[in-house]
Amino acid sequence: MRTDLGPIQPSYVPPNCRIATTDGDEGWAFRQRFDLIHSHVLNNTSLRNWPQFHREALASLTLGGWVEPQEFSYKRYSDDGSHLTNSRVEYWQDLWTKA
């Protein structure tokens, strides 16, 4: 199962894969249980209600199932403090986070 907000799916889909257009903020759209629920790049882009998403995802797992959110931060860091705090990249990061 794969979901997306819009119908921008590939033309070839493996026979064991189904694609649904759904919005994670509008409630869980699935009745079946899953062994794995994987999500990625939902922070600062589309999902607004993380507690609801996790409650519904956890309730939809099979026994021993796993929820795996993969997210990242747009904030840049350096291990030695050498990044420029007033750079254009820093400016872009701030605009992206506020948007």
Protein backbone atom coordinates (compact mmCIF):
# COMPACT_ATOMS: atom_id res chain seq x y z
CA MET A 1 0.00 0.00 0.00
CA ARG A 2 1.27 3.46 -0.88
CA THR A 3 -0.52 6.74 -0.28
CA ASP A 4 -0.03 10.26 -1.55
CA LEU A 5 -1.93 13.54 -1.42
CA GLY A 6 -2.12 13.75 -5.19
CA PRO A 7 -2.52 11.34 -8.09
CA ILE A 8 1.11 11.61 -9.24
CA GLN A 9 1.84 7.91 -9.35
CA PRO A 10 4.18 5.97 -11.62
CA SER A 11 2.79 4.19 -14.66
CA TYR A 12 4.24 0.84 -13.55
CA VAL A 13 3.17 -0.51 -10.18
CA PRO A 14 4.13 -4.01 -8.98
CA PRO A 15 1.17 -6.39 -8.77
CA ASN A 16 1.45 -6.63 -4.98
CA CYS A 17 1.24 -2.84 -4.52
CA ARG A 18 -1.88 -0.71 -4.29
CA ILE A 19 -1.85 3.10 -4.40
CA ALA A 20 -4.43 5.30 -2.67
CA THR A 21 -4.85 9.08 -2.74
CA THR A 22 -5.54 10.18 0.82
CA ASP A 23 -4.78 12.93 3.33
CA GLY A 24 -3.25 11.78 6.61
CA ASP A 25 -4.84 14.70 8.47
CA GLU A 26 -8.36 13.60 7.56
CA GLY A 27 -8.32 10.37 9.52
CA TRP A 28 -7.09 6.88 8.83
CA ALA A 29 -8.43 5.56 5.54
CA PHE A 30 -7.61 1.86 5.96
CA ARG A 31 -9.43 -1.00 7.64
CA GLN A 32 -6.80 -3.70 7.21
CA ARG A 33 -3.81 -4.21 9.50
CA PHE A 34 -0.20 -3.71 8.45
CA ASP A 35 3.12 -5.31 9.39
CA LEU A 36 4.97 -2.09 8.59
CA ILE A 37 3.81 1.51 8.30
CA HIS A 38 6.55 3.71 6.85
CA SER A 39 6.29 7.46 6.39
CA HIS A 40 8.82 10.02 5.25
CA VAL A 41 9.13 13.76 4.75
CA LEU A 42 5.85 14.68 6.44
CA ASN A 43 7.32 17.22 8.84
CA ASN A 44 6.93 20.84 7.77
CA THR A 45 5.28 19.71 4.54
CA SER A 46 1.88 18.16 4.96
CA LEU A 47 1.03 16.36 8.21
CA ARG A 48 -0.33 18.68 10.88
CA ASN A 49 -1.63 16.25 13.51
CA TRP A 50 1.22 13.93 14.50
CA PRO A 51 -0.48 12.54 17.65
CA GLN A 52 -3.53 11.48 15.61
CA PHE A 53 -1.35 9.95 12.89
CA HIS A 54 0.62 7.88 15.40
CA ARG A 55 -2.48 6.75 17.33
CA GLU A 56 -4.14 5.55 14.14
CA ALA A 57 -0.96 3.98 12.76
CA LEU A 58 -0.27 2.08 15.99
CA ALA A 59 -3.88 0.87 16.13
CA SER A 60 -3.53 -0.47 12.56
CA LEU A 61 -0.51 -2.68 13.20
CA THR A 62 -0.49 -6.44 13.33
CA LEU A 63 0.97 -8.03 16.46
CA GLY A 64 4.70 -7.27 16.33
CA GLY A 65 4.20 -4.64 13.60
CA TRP A 66 6.33 -1.54 13.28
CA VAL A 67 5.77 2.18 12.60
CA GLU A 68 8.80 3.76 10.94
CA PRO A 69 8.67 7.55 10.41
CA GLN A 70 11.74 8.94 8.63
CA GLU A 71 12.05 12.69 8.93
CA PHE A 72 14.82 15.22 8.70
CA SER A 73 15.54 18.77 9.75
CA TYR A 74 16.25 21.55 7.29
CA LYS A 75 18.51 23.18 9.86
CA ARG A 76 22.18 22.85 8.99
CA TYR A 77 24.85 22.18 11.58
CA SER A 78 28.59 21.62 11.55
CA ASP A 79 30.58 19.57 14.03
CA ASP A 80 33.21 22.29 14.42
CA GLY A 81 30.97 25.38 14.31
CA SER A 82 32.38 26.52 10.97
CA HIS A 83 29.05 27.04 9.20
CA LEU A 84 28.14 30.62 8.39
CA THR A 85 25.21 31.83 10.48
CA ASN A 86 24.39 34.73 8.15
CA SER A 87 24.69 32.81 4.88
CA ARG A 88 22.07 32.58 2.12
CA VAL A 89 21.59 28.92 3.05
CA GLU A 90 20.73 29.93 6.61
CA TYR A 91 18.32 32.56 5.24
CA TRP A 92 16.64 29.94 3.00
CA GLN A 93 16.35 27.51 5.93
CA ASP A 94 14.58 30.12 8.02
CA LEU A 95 12.16 30.96 5.18
CA TRP A 96 11.42 27.27 4.54
CA THR A 97 10.75 26.58 8.22
CA LYS A 98 8.39 29.57 8.51
CA ALA A 99 6.45 28.64 5.34
